[in-house]
Amino acid sequence: MGDRDGFEKSIERAMADLSRLELVSPDDFPTMDLYMDQVTTFMERTFKNTLRDPDADKVLTKTMINNYAKNDLIAPPVRKKYSREHLFELMFIYYFKSFLSISDIQTLLGPMTERFFGDDSEYDVSEVYSEMRNLGRGARAKLKGDLDERVQKMAGAYKDAPEDLRDYLRKFAFICELGYDIFLRKTIIESLIDEMENEEQE
């Protein structure tokens, strides 16, 4: 029973870590244009808690921002200043880059960069972000319910394995199951992005 308790406690600790991944309110984004140093400071302050190793990892660097602009992931700065729209796009890139290629992010954000910037923009980027944030509410509670169900299913696994290996094997199987779930979702995302790219080309 002890190894099962250890496995369950590991999942509980991992779930508790999710409390630091709260999506920032659009009201917390600056309304005035920022210089590069101010952008990196804002992003660091906003997303530092999402880093796996805050002492070693960086949320965003000047080189990253320059590369994003060069590769058309974000619109070029205006007189070396970045607008609120830039910050929303940088936030999207920060999350997307953990599971999408730069090419896929370009396809996904291209219409936003082209049509949602400037005085003649067709839609407000902050509205895109706000709606996405609202749709994501309750995601953590839903995930908790799903993980609880998976943990219960895992409780009876590897009963015949040596006792000192059971905790490892259950964690390994649990990670494999979640990994396959991620693989399936990523495949769906990539299929949708491919469709968007084909529509754009047509």
N, C-alpha and C. Protein backbone atom coordinates (compact mmCIF):
# COMPACT_ATOMS: atom_id res chain seq x y z
N MET A 1 0.83 -1.21 0.00
CA MET A 1 0.00 0.00 0.00
C MET A 1 0.86 1.26 0.00
N GLY A 2 2.07 1.14 0.61
CA GLY A 2 2.94 2.31 0.72
C GLY A 2 3.34 2.87 -0.62
N ASP A 3 3.62 1.96 -1.62
CA ASP A 3 4.06 2.46 -2.91
C ASP A 3 2.93 3.18 -3.63
N ARG A 4 1.71 2.70 -3.42
CA ARG A 4 0.56 3.38 -4.04
C ARG A 4 0.41 4.77 -3.44
N ASP A 5 0.57 4.89 -2.12
CA ASP A 5 0.50 6.19 -1.47
C ASP A 5 1.55 7.13 -2.03
N GLY A 6 2.78 6.60 -2.24
CA GLY A 6 3.85 7.42 -2.78
C GLY A 6 3.52 7.90 -4.18
N PHE A 7 2.96 7.03 -5.00
CA PHE A 7 2.57 7.40 -6.36
C PHE A 7 1.50 8.48 -6.33
N GLU A 8 0.47 8.29 -5.51
CA GLU A 8 -0.63 9.26 -5.42
C GLU A 8 -0.12 10.61 -4.92
N LYS A 9 0.78 10.58 -3.96
CA LYS A 9 1.33 11.84 -3.43
C LYS A 9 2.14 12.58 -4.50
N SER A 10 2.84 11.83 -5.35
CA SER A 10 3.59 12.45 -6.44
C SER A 10 2.65 13.20 -7.38
N ILE A 11 1.51 12.59 -7.70
CA ILE A 11 0.53 13.23 -8.59
C ILE A 11 -0.08 14.45 -7.91
N GLU A 12 -0.36 14.35 -6.62
CA GLU A 12 -0.90 15.49 -5.87
C GLU A 12 0.07 16.66 -5.88
N ARG A 13 1.37 16.37 -5.71
CA ARG A 13 2.37 17.45 -5.74
C ARG A 13 2.44 18.09 -7.13
N ALA A 14 2.37 17.25 -8.17
CA ALA A 14 2.40 17.77 -9.54
C ALA A 14 1.19 18.66 -9.80
N MET A 15 0.02 18.24 -9.30
CA MET A 15 -1.19 19.05 -9.48
C MET A 15 -1.08 20.36 -8.72
N ALA A 16 -0.49 20.32 -7.52
CA ALA A 16 -0.33 21.55 -6.73
C ALA A 16 0.56 22.54 -7.46
N ASP A 17 1.54 22.04 -8.22
CA ASP A 17 2.43 22.91 -9.00
C ASP A 17 1.68 23.71 -10.05
N LEU A 18 0.51 23.20 -10.49
CA LEU A 18 -0.25 23.88 -11.53
C LEU A 18 -0.82 25.21 -11.06
N SER A 19 -0.88 25.41 -9.75
CA SER A 19 -1.44 26.66 -9.22
C SER A 19 -0.63 27.87 -9.67
N ARG A 20 0.63 27.66 -10.07
CA ARG A 20 1.47 28.78 -10.50
C ARG A 20 1.28 29.10 -11.97
N LEU A 21 0.41 28.37 -12.67
CA LEU A 21 0.23 28.55 -14.11
C LEU A 21 -1.04 29.32 -14.45
N GLU A 22 -1.43 30.23 -13.61
CA GLU A 22 -2.64 31.02 -13.86
C GLU A 22 -2.41 31.98 -15.03
N LEU A 23 -3.35 32.00 -15.97
CA LEU A 23 -3.25 32.95 -17.09
C LEU A 23 -3.47 34.36 -16.59
N VAL A 24 -2.56 35.25 -16.93
CA VAL A 24 -2.61 36.63 -16.46
C VAL A 24 -3.82 37.34 -17.06
N SER A 25 -4.42 38.22 -16.29
CA SER A 25 -5.58 38.98 -16.75
C SER A 25 -5.14 39.98 -17.82
N PRO A 26 -5.98 40.21 -18.84
CA PRO A 26 -5.63 41.22 -19.86
C PRO A 26 -5.49 42.62 -19.25
N ASP A 27 -6.14 42.85 -18.11
CA ASP A 27 -6.02 44.14 -17.43
C ASP A 27 -4.62 44.39 -16.89
N ASP A 28 -3.84 43.31 -16.73
CA ASP A 28 -2.49 43.44 -16.19
C ASP A 28 -1.45 43.73 -17.27
N PHE A 29 -1.87 43.74 -18.53
CA PHE A 29 -0.96 44.09 -19.62
C PHE A 29 -0.86 45.62 -19.71
N PRO A 30 0.34 46.16 -19.89
CA PRO A 30 0.48 47.62 -20.00
C PRO A 30 -0.28 48.17 -21.20
N THR A 31 -0.79 49.37 -21.07
CA THR A 31 -1.52 50.01 -22.17
C THR A 31 -0.59 50.91 -22.99
N MET A 32 0.56 51.26 -22.45
CA MET A 32 1.50 52.12 -23.18
C MET A 32 2.53 51.26 -23.90
N ASP A 33 3.10 51.80 -24.98
CA ASP A 33 4.14 51.08 -25.73
C ASP A 33 5.42 50.99 -24.90
N LEU A 34 6.14 49.88 -25.10
CA LEU A 34 7.33 49.61 -24.29
C LEU A 34 8.57 49.44 -25.17
N TYR A 35 9.72 49.80 -24.60
CA TYR A 35 10.99 49.49 -25.23
C TYR A 35 11.35 48.04 -24.92
N MET A 36 12.33 47.52 -25.65
CA MET A 36 12.73 46.12 -25.53
C MET A 36 12.99 45.70 -24.08
N ASP A 37 13.78 46.47 -23.34
CA ASP A 37 14.10 46.11 -21.95
C ASP A 37 12.84 46.04 -21.09
N GLN A 38 11.90 46.92 -21.34
CA GLN A 38 10.65 46.92 -20.59
C GLN A 38 9.80 45.69 -20.93
N VAL A 39 9.86 45.27 -22.20
CA VAL A 39 9.12 44.07 -22.62
C VAL A 39 9.66 42.84 -21.91
N THR A 40 11.00 42.67 -21.94
CA THR A 40 11.59 41.49 -21.30
C THR A 40 11.33 41.50 -19.79
N THR A 41 11.36 42.67 -19.18
CA THR A 41 11.08 42.78 -17.74
C THR A 41 9.65 42.38 -17.44
N PHE A 42 8.71 42.88 -18.25
CA PHE A 42 7.30 42.54 -18.05
C PHE A 42 7.07 41.04 -18.21
N MET A 43 7.62 40.45 -19.26
CA MET A 43 7.42 39.02 -19.51
C MET A 43 8.06 38.18 -18.41
N GLU A 44 9.24 38.60 -17.97
CA GLU A 44 9.93 37.86 -16.90
C GLU A 44 9.11 37.89 -15.61
N ARG A 45 8.63 39.08 -15.28
CA ARG A 45 7.83 39.24 -14.06
C ARG A 45 6.51 38.45 -14.14
N THR A 46 5.91 38.45 -15.32
CA THR A 46 4.60 37.82 -15.51
C THR A 46 4.68 36.30 -15.53
N PHE A 47 5.73 35.75 -16.17
CA PHE A 47 5.76 34.32 -16.42
C PHE A 47 6.86 33.57 -15.69
N LYS A 48 7.60 34.24 -14.81
CA LYS A 48 8.70 33.58 -14.11
C LYS A 48 8.22 32.33 -13.35
N ASN A 49 7.02 32.40 -12.80
CA ASN A 49 6.50 31.26 -12.04
C ASN A 49 6.18 30.04 -12.90
N THR A 50 6.14 30.22 -14.21
CA THR A 50 5.85 29.08 -15.08
C THR A 50 7.10 28.30 -15.46
N LEU A 51 8.27 28.85 -15.11
CA LEU A 51 9.52 28.20 -15.50
C LEU A 51 9.80 26.96 -14.65
N ARG A 52 10.34 25.95 -15.27
CA ARG A 52 10.70 24.73 -14.55
C ARG A 52 11.86 24.99 -13.59
N ASP A 53 12.85 25.77 -14.06
CA ASP A 53 13.99 26.14 -13.24
C ASP A 53 14.17 27.66 -13.33
N PRO A 54 13.48 28.43 -12.49
CA PRO A 54 13.51 29.90 -12.60
C PRO A 54 14.91 30.51 -12.49
N ASP A 55 15.83 29.82 -11.82
CA ASP A 55 17.18 30.37 -11.67
C ASP A 55 18.01 30.22 -12.95
N ALA A 56 17.68 29.22 -13.77
CA ALA A 56 18.49 28.95 -14.97
C ALA A 56 17.78 29.34 -16.27
N ASP A 57 16.46 29.21 -16.30
CA ASP A 57 15.72 29.44 -17.54
C ASP A 57 15.31 30.90 -17.68
N LYS A 58 15.13 31.31 -18.93
CA LYS A 58 14.67 32.66 -19.24
C LYS A 58 13.31 32.60 -19.93
N VAL A 59 12.41 33.50 -19.55
CA VAL A 59 11.11 33.57 -20.21
C VAL A 59 11.29 34.07 -21.64
N LEU A 60 12.04 35.15 -21.78
CA LEU A 60 12.20 35.81 -23.08
C LEU A 60 13.49 36.62 -23.07
N THR A 61 14.20 36.57 -24.18
CA THR A 61 15.42 37.37 -24.30
C THR A 61 15.28 38.34 -25.48
N LYS A 62 16.18 39.32 -25.54
CA LYS A 62 16.17 40.26 -26.66
C LYS A 62 16.39 39.53 -27.98
N THR A 63 17.27 38.54 -27.97
CA THR A 63 17.55 37.76 -29.18
C THR A 63 16.29 37.05 -29.66
N MET A 64 15.55 36.47 -28.73
CA MET A 64 14.30 35.79 -29.10
C MET A 64 13.33 36.76 -29.76
N ILE A 65 13.15 37.93 -29.16
CA ILE A 65 12.21 38.91 -29.70
C ILE A 65 12.64 39.35 -31.10
N ASN A 66 13.94 39.61 -31.28
CA ASN A 66 14.45 39.99 -32.60
C ASN A 66 14.21 38.89 -33.63
N ASN A 67 14.41 37.64 -33.22
CA ASN A 67 14.17 36.51 -34.13
C ASN A 67 12.69 36.37 -34.46
N TYR A 68 11.83 36.59 -33.49
CA TYR A 68 10.38 36.51 -33.74
C TYR A 68 9.96 37.56 -34.77
N ALA A 69 10.49 38.77 -34.65
CA ALA A 69 10.16 39.83 -35.60
C ALA A 69 10.74 39.50 -36.98
N LYS A 70 11.97 38.98 -37.00
CA LYS A 70 12.64 38.65 -38.26
C LYS A 70 11.89 37.54 -39.00
N ASN A 71 11.33 36.60 -38.25
CA ASN A 71 10.62 35.46 -38.84
C ASN A 71 9.11 35.68 -38.95
N ASP A 72 8.69 36.94 -38.75
CA ASP A 72 7.27 37.32 -38.93
C ASP A 72 6.33 36.64 -37.94
N LEU A 73 6.84 36.27 -36.78
CA LEU A 73 5.95 35.75 -35.75
C LEU A 73 5.22 36.90 -35.05
N ILE A 74 5.88 38.04 -34.99
CA ILE A 74 5.26 39.25 -34.47
C ILE A 74 5.50 40.37 -35.47
N ALA A 75 4.67 41.41 -35.38
CA ALA A 75 4.86 42.57 -36.24
C ALA A 75 6.12 43.30 -35.81
N PRO A 76 6.79 43.99 -36.73
CA PRO A 76 7.99 44.75 -36.36
C PRO A 76 7.63 45.85 -35.35
N PRO A 77 8.56 46.19 -34.46
CA PRO A 77 8.29 47.29 -33.52
C PRO A 77 8.20 48.61 -34.28
N VAL A 78 7.49 49.56 -33.71
CA VAL A 78 7.35 50.89 -34.31
C VAL A 78 8.25 51.84 -33.53
N ARG A 79 9.26 52.39 -34.21
CA ARG A 79 10.25 53.26 -33.55
C ARG A 79 10.82 52.61 -32.29
N LYS A 80 11.18 51.33 -32.45
CA LYS A 80 11.81 50.54 -31.37
C LYS A 80 10.90 50.31 -30.17
N LYS A 81 9.59 50.52 -30.37
CA LYS A 81 8.64 50.30 -29.27
C LYS A 81 7.66 49.19 -29.63
N TYR A 82 7.26 48.47 -28.57
CA TYR A 82 6.36 47.34 -28.73
C TYR A 82 5.02 47.67 -28.07
N SER A 83 3.95 47.41 -28.80
CA SER A 83 2.60 47.75 -28.34
C SER A 83 2.02 46.63 -27.46
N ARG A 84 0.84 46.90 -26.95
CA ARG A 84 0.11 45.90 -26.18
C ARG A 84 -0.17 44.66 -27.04
N GLU A 85 -0.45 44.88 -28.33
CA GLU A 85 -0.70 43.77 -29.25
C GLU A 85 0.53 42.86 -29.34
N HIS A 86 1.71 43.48 -29.36
CA HIS A 86 2.95 42.70 -29.37
C HIS A 86 3.03 41.80 -28.13
N LEU A 87 2.67 42.35 -26.99
CA LEU A 87 2.77 41.58 -25.74
C LEU A 87 1.84 40.38 -25.75
N PHE A 88 0.63 40.56 -26.28
CA PHE A 88 -0.29 39.43 -26.38
C PHE A 88 0.27 38.36 -27.31
N GLU A 89 0.85 38.78 -28.43
CA GLU A 89 1.43 37.81 -29.35
C GLU A 89 2.62 37.09 -28.71
N LEU A 90 3.44 37.81 -27.99
CA LEU A 90 4.58 37.19 -27.31
C LEU A 90 4.11 36.17 -26.27
N MET A 91 2.99 36.48 -25.62
CA MET A 91 2.43 35.55 -24.65
C MET A 91 1.98 34.26 -25.35
N PHE A 92 1.29 34.41 -26.49
CA PHE A 92 0.87 33.23 -27.25
C PHE A 92 2.09 32.40 -27.67
N ILE A 93 3.12 33.08 -28.17
CA ILE A 93 4.34 32.38 -28.61
C ILE A 93 4.96 31.62 -27.44
N TYR A 94 4.99 32.26 -26.28
CA TYR A 94 5.60 31.63 -25.11
C TYR A 94 4.96 30.28 -24.80
N TYR A 95 3.63 30.21 -24.89
CA TYR A 95 2.94 28.94 -24.63
C TYR A 95 3.05 27.98 -25.80
N PHE A 96 2.90 28.49 -27.02
CA PHE A 96 2.91 27.61 -28.19
C PHE A 96 4.25 26.94 -28.42
N LYS A 97 5.34 27.64 -28.11
CA LYS A 97 6.67 27.10 -28.47
C LYS A 97 7.03 25.84 -27.67
N SER A 98 6.27 25.55 -26.62
CA SER A 98 6.55 24.34 -25.85
C SER A 98 6.06 23.08 -26.57
N PHE A 99 5.20 23.25 -27.59
CA PHE A 99 4.73 22.05 -28.28
C PHE A 99 4.54 22.23 -29.79
N LEU A 100 4.82 23.44 -30.32
CA LEU A 100 4.68 23.67 -31.75
C LEU A 100 6.00 24.15 -32.35
N SER A 101 6.19 23.87 -33.64
CA SER A 101 7.36 24.36 -34.34
C SER A 101 7.18 25.85 -34.65
N ILE A 102 8.29 26.52 -34.94
CA ILE A 102 8.24 27.94 -35.32
C ILE A 102 7.36 28.12 -36.55
N SER A 103 7.47 27.19 -37.51
CA SER A 103 6.68 27.26 -38.73
C SER A 103 5.18 27.20 -38.42
N ASP A 104 4.79 26.31 -37.51
CA ASP A 104 3.38 26.19 -37.13
C ASP A 104 2.89 27.45 -36.43
N ILE A 105 3.75 28.02 -35.58
CA ILE A 105 3.37 29.25 -34.88
C ILE A 105 3.20 30.39 -35.88
N GLN A 106 4.05 30.43 -36.89
CA GLN A 106 3.91 31.43 -37.95
C GLN A 106 2.55 31.32 -38.62
N THR A 107 2.16 30.11 -38.96
CA THR A 107 0.87 29.89 -39.61
C THR A 107 -0.28 30.31 -38.70
N LEU A 108 -0.15 29.98 -37.44
CA LEU A 108 -1.21 30.25 -36.48
C LEU A 108 -1.37 31.75 -36.19
N LEU A 109 -0.25 32.44 -36.07
CA LEU A 109 -0.30 33.86 -35.69
C LEU A 109 -0.26 34.81 -36.89
N GLY A 110 0.02 34.27 -38.09
CA GLY A 110 0.12 35.13 -39.27
C GLY A 110 -1.06 36.06 -39.48
N PRO A 111 -2.28 35.54 -39.49
CA PRO A 111 -3.44 36.42 -39.69
C PRO A 111 -3.57 37.48 -38.60
N MET A 112 -3.18 37.13 -37.38
CA MET A 112 -3.24 38.10 -36.28
C MET A 112 -2.26 39.24 -36.51
N THR A 113 -1.03 38.87 -36.92
CA THR A 113 -0.01 39.89 -37.18
C THR A 113 -0.43 40.81 -38.33
N GLU A 114 -1.02 40.22 -39.37
CA GLU A 114 -1.39 40.99 -40.55
C GLU A 114 -2.62 41.87 -40.35
N ARG A 115 -3.58 41.39 -39.57
CA ARG A 115 -4.89 42.06 -39.58
C ARG A 115 -5.34 42.64 -38.24
N PHE A 116 -4.61 42.32 -37.15
CA PHE A 116 -5.07 42.77 -35.83
C PHE A 116 -4.19 43.86 -35.23
N PHE A 117 -3.28 44.42 -36.04
CA PHE A 117 -2.36 45.45 -35.54
C PHE A 117 -2.68 46.81 -36.15
N GLY A 118 -2.40 47.86 -35.39
CA GLY A 118 -2.50 49.21 -35.93
C GLY A 118 -3.90 49.80 -35.83
N ASP A 119 -4.01 51.05 -36.27
CA ASP A 119 -5.26 51.79 -36.16
C ASP A 119 -6.37 51.21 -37.04
N ASP A 120 -5.99 50.56 -38.16
CA ASP A 120 -7.00 50.01 -39.06
C ASP A 120 -7.21 48.51 -38.84
N SER A 121 -6.91 48.02 -37.64
CA SER A 121 -7.04 46.59 -37.35
C SER A 121 -8.50 46.16 -37.44
N GLU A 122 -8.70 44.91 -37.85
CA GLU A 122 -10.05 44.37 -38.02
C GLU A 122 -10.61 43.79 -36.72
N TYR A 123 -9.75 43.54 -35.76
CA TYR A 123 -10.20 42.95 -34.48
C TYR A 123 -9.16 43.24 -33.42
N ASP A 124 -9.58 43.24 -32.18
CA ASP A 124 -8.70 43.58 -31.07
C ASP A 124 -8.04 42.31 -30.52
N VAL A 125 -6.71 42.29 -30.50
CA VAL A 125 -5.98 41.12 -30.01
C VAL A 125 -6.33 40.81 -28.55
N SER A 126 -6.58 41.85 -27.77
CA SER A 126 -6.94 41.62 -26.36
C SER A 126 -8.25 40.84 -26.24
N GLU A 127 -9.16 41.02 -27.21
CA GLU A 127 -10.42 40.26 -27.22
C GLU A 127 -10.14 38.78 -27.51
N VAL A 128 -9.20 38.54 -28.42
CA VAL A 128 -8.81 37.15 -28.72
C VAL A 128 -8.29 36.48 -27.45
N TYR A 129 -7.41 37.17 -26.76
CA TYR A 129 -6.82 36.63 -25.54
C TYR A 129 -7.88 36.44 -24.46
N SER A 130 -8.74 37.44 -24.26
CA SER A 130 -9.77 37.38 -23.20
C SER A 130 -10.71 36.20 -23.42
N GLU A 131 -11.12 36.02 -24.68
CA GLU A 131 -12.03 34.92 -24.98
C GLU A 131 -11.35 33.58 -24.74
N MET A 132 -10.08 33.46 -25.18
CA MET A 132 -9.32 32.24 -24.95
C MET A 132 -9.20 31.95 -23.46
N ARG A 133 -8.95 33.00 -22.68
CA ARG A 133 -8.80 32.85 -21.23
C ARG A 133 -10.13 32.41 -20.59
N ASN A 134 -11.22 32.98 -21.05
CA ASN A 134 -12.54 32.60 -20.52
C ASN A 134 -12.88 31.15 -20.85
N LEU A 135 -12.57 30.74 -22.08
CA LEU A 135 -12.85 29.36 -22.49
C LEU A 135 -12.03 28.36 -21.69
N GLY A 136 -10.86 28.81 -21.21
CA GLY A 136 -9.98 27.91 -20.45
C GLY A 136 -10.32 27.81 -18.97
N ARG A 137 -11.26 28.62 -18.51
CA ARG A 137 -11.62 28.58 -17.09
C ARG A 137 -12.18 27.19 -16.74
N GLY A 138 -11.79 26.70 -15.60
CA GLY A 138 -12.25 25.38 -15.17
C GLY A 138 -11.40 24.25 -15.71
N ALA A 139 -10.40 24.58 -16.54
CA ALA A 139 -9.57 23.52 -17.14
C ALA A 139 -8.81 22.74 -16.08
N ARG A 140 -8.35 23.45 -15.04
CA ARG A 140 -7.57 22.78 -13.99
C ARG A 140 -8.44 21.80 -13.21
N ALA A 141 -9.68 22.21 -12.89
CA ALA A 141 -10.59 21.31 -12.17
C ALA A 141 -10.94 20.09 -13.01
N LYS A 142 -11.14 20.33 -14.31
CA LYS A 142 -11.44 19.22 -15.22
C LYS A 142 -10.25 18.26 -15.30
N LEU A 143 -9.04 18.83 -15.36
CA LEU A 143 -7.84 18.00 -15.41
C LEU A 143 -7.69 17.20 -14.11
N LYS A 144 -7.98 17.82 -12.97
CA LYS A 144 -7.87 17.14 -11.68
C LYS A 144 -8.78 15.92 -11.66
N GLY A 145 -10.02 16.08 -12.14
CA GLY A 145 -10.96 14.95 -12.18
C GLY A 145 -10.44 13.83 -13.08
N ASP A 146 -9.88 14.20 -14.24
CA ASP A 146 -9.35 13.22 -15.17
C ASP A 146 -8.16 12.48 -14.56
N LEU A 147 -7.26 13.22 -13.89
CA LEU A 147 -6.08 12.59 -13.29
C LEU A 147 -6.47 11.68 -12.13
N ASP A 148 -7.45 12.10 -11.33
CA ASP A 148 -7.92 11.25 -10.22
C ASP A 148 -8.40 9.90 -10.75
N GLU A 149 -9.14 9.96 -11.86
CA GLU A 149 -9.65 8.72 -12.47
C GLU A 149 -8.51 7.84 -12.96
N ARG A 150 -7.49 8.45 -13.56
CA ARG A 150 -6.34 7.69 -14.06
C ARG A 150 -5.53 7.09 -12.91
N VAL A 151 -5.40 7.84 -11.82
CA VAL A 151 -4.66 7.36 -10.66
C VAL A 151 -5.36 6.13 -10.08
N GLN A 152 -6.68 6.18 -9.98
CA GLN A 152 -7.43 5.04 -9.45
C GLN A 152 -7.23 3.80 -10.34
N LYS A 153 -7.22 4.03 -11.65
CA LYS A 153 -7.01 2.92 -12.59
C LYS A 153 -5.61 2.34 -12.43
N MET A 154 -4.65 3.20 -12.12
CA MET A 154 -3.26 2.77 -12.01
C MET A 154 -2.99 2.04 -10.69
N ALA A 155 -3.89 2.17 -9.73
CA ALA A 155 -3.66 1.62 -8.38
C ALA A 155 -3.42 0.11 -8.39
N GLY A 156 -4.08 -0.57 -9.30
CA GLY A 156 -3.93 -2.03 -9.32
C GLY A 156 -2.86 -2.53 -10.27
N ALA A 157 -2.14 -1.63 -10.90
CA ALA A 157 -1.14 -2.03 -11.90
C ALA A 157 0.15 -2.52 -11.24
N TYR A 158 0.80 -3.43 -11.89
CA TYR A 158 2.13 -3.95 -11.50
C TYR A 158 2.14 -4.57 -10.09
N LYS A 159 1.05 -5.21 -9.72
CA LYS A 159 1.01 -5.84 -8.39
C LYS A 159 2.01 -6.98 -8.27
N ASP A 160 2.34 -7.61 -9.41
CA ASP A 160 3.26 -8.74 -9.39
C ASP A 160 4.73 -8.31 -9.49
N ALA A 161 4.97 -7.02 -9.69
CA ALA A 161 6.35 -6.52 -9.81
C ALA A 161 6.99 -6.45 -8.43
N PRO A 162 8.33 -6.50 -8.36
CA PRO A 162 9.00 -6.34 -7.06
C PRO A 162 8.56 -5.04 -6.40
N GLU A 163 8.39 -5.08 -5.10
CA GLU A 163 7.83 -3.93 -4.38
C GLU A 163 8.62 -2.65 -4.59
N ASP A 164 9.96 -2.77 -4.65
CA ASP A 164 10.77 -1.56 -4.79
C ASP A 164 10.71 -0.97 -6.21
N LEU A 165 10.06 -1.67 -7.15
CA LEU A 165 9.93 -1.18 -8.52
C LEU A 165 8.53 -0.65 -8.84
N ARG A 166 7.58 -0.94 -7.99
CA ARG A 166 6.18 -0.61 -8.33
C ARG A 166 5.96 0.89 -8.51
N ASP A 167 6.52 1.69 -7.64
CA ASP A 167 6.32 3.14 -7.72
C ASP A 167 6.88 3.67 -9.05
N TYR A 168 8.09 3.21 -9.40
CA TYR A 168 8.69 3.62 -10.68
C TYR A 168 7.82 3.19 -11.85
N LEU A 169 7.38 1.94 -11.85
CA LEU A 169 6.60 1.41 -12.98
C LEU A 169 5.27 2.13 -13.13
N ARG A 170 4.64 2.47 -12.00
CA ARG A 170 3.36 3.18 -12.08
C ARG A 170 3.56 4.60 -12.61
N LYS A 171 4.61 5.27 -12.15
CA LYS A 171 4.90 6.61 -12.67
C LYS A 171 5.22 6.54 -14.16
N PHE A 172 6.02 5.53 -14.55
CA PHE A 172 6.39 5.37 -15.95
C PHE A 172 5.14 5.16 -16.82
N ALA A 173 4.26 4.26 -16.38
CA ALA A 173 3.04 3.96 -17.14
C ALA A 173 2.13 5.19 -17.19
N PHE A 174 2.06 5.91 -16.08
CA PHE A 174 1.23 7.11 -16.01
C PHE A 174 1.74 8.18 -16.99
N ILE A 175 3.06 8.36 -17.01
CA ILE A 175 3.66 9.32 -17.93
C ILE A 175 3.44 8.89 -19.38
N CYS A 176 3.56 7.59 -19.66
CA CYS A 176 3.31 7.08 -21.02
C CYS A 176 1.87 7.36 -21.44
N GLU A 177 0.94 7.14 -20.52
CA GLU A 177 -0.47 7.37 -20.84
C GLU A 177 -0.74 8.85 -21.13
N LEU A 178 -0.20 9.72 -20.28
CA LEU A 178 -0.35 11.16 -20.51
C LEU A 178 0.37 11.58 -21.79
N GLY A 179 1.54 10.99 -22.03
CA GLY A 179 2.30 11.31 -23.23
C GLY A 179 1.55 10.94 -24.49
N TYR A 180 0.87 9.81 -24.49
CA TYR A 180 0.10 9.41 -25.66
C TYR A 180 -1.08 10.37 -25.87
N ASP A 181 -1.67 10.80 -24.77
CA ASP A 181 -2.76 11.77 -24.82
C ASP A 181 -2.27 13.08 -25.46
N ILE A 182 -1.07 13.53 -25.04
CA ILE A 182 -0.47 14.74 -25.61
C ILE A 182 -0.20 14.53 -27.10
N PHE A 183 0.32 13.36 -27.45
CA PHE A 183 0.62 13.05 -28.85
C PHE A 183 -0.63 13.15 -29.71
N LEU A 184 -1.74 12.59 -29.23
CA LEU A 184 -2.99 12.63 -29.98
C LEU A 184 -3.49 14.06 -30.14
N ARG A 185 -3.44 14.84 -29.06
CA ARG A 185 -3.90 16.24 -29.12
C ARG A 185 -3.01 17.07 -30.04
N LYS A 186 -1.70 16.84 -29.94
CA LYS A 186 -0.75 17.57 -30.79
C LYS A 186 -1.01 17.25 -32.26
N THR A 187 -1.33 15.99 -32.56
CA THR A 187 -1.62 15.59 -33.93
C THR A 187 -2.86 16.32 -34.46
N ILE A 188 -3.88 16.46 -33.61
CA ILE A 188 -5.09 17.19 -34.00
C ILE A 188 -4.75 18.66 -34.25
N ILE A 189 -3.95 19.26 -33.36
CA ILE A 189 -3.55 20.66 -33.51
C ILE A 189 -2.80 20.86 -34.82
N GLU A 190 -1.86 19.98 -35.10
CA GLU A 190 -1.07 20.11 -36.33
C GLU A 190 -1.94 19.95 -37.58
N SER A 191 -2.93 19.06 -37.50
CA SER A 191 -3.85 18.89 -38.63
C SER A 191 -4.65 20.17 -38.88
N LEU A 192 -5.10 20.80 -37.81
CA LEU A 192 -5.85 22.06 -37.94
C LEU A 192 -4.96 23.17 -38.50
N ILE A 193 -3.71 23.22 -38.06
CA ILE A 193 -2.77 24.23 -38.56
C ILE A 193 -2.48 24.00 -40.04
N ASP A 194 -2.31 22.74 -40.44
CA ASP A 194 -2.09 22.43 -41.86
C ASP A 194 -3.28 22.91 -42.70
N GLU A 195 -4.47 22.71 -42.17
CA GLU A 195 -5.68 23.15 -42.87
C GLU A 195 -5.70 24.68 -42.99
N MET A 196 -5.32 25.37 -41.91
CA MET A 196 -5.25 26.83 -41.94
C MET A 196 -4.24 27.31 -42.99
N GLU A 197 -3.11 26.61 -43.06
CA GLU A 197 -2.07 27.01 -44.01
C GLU A 197 -2.56 26.81 -45.44
N ASN A 198 -3.26 25.70 -45.70
CA ASN A 198 -3.79 25.45 -47.03
C ASN A 198 -4.84 26.48 -47.42
N GLU A 199 -5.68 26.84 -46.47
CA GLU A 199 -6.70 27.86 -46.73
C GLU A 199 -6.06 29.21 -47.04
N GLU A 200 -4.98 29.52 -46.33
CA GLU A 200 -4.28 30.79 -46.54
C GLU A 200 -3.65 30.82 -47.94
N GLN A 201 -3.09 29.70 -48.36
CA GLN A 201 -2.45 29.63 -49.68
C GLN A 201 -3.46 29.73 -50.82
N GLU A 202 -4.66 29.17 -50.58
CA GLU A 202 -5.71 29.23 -51.60
C GLU A 202 -6.27 30.65 -51.74
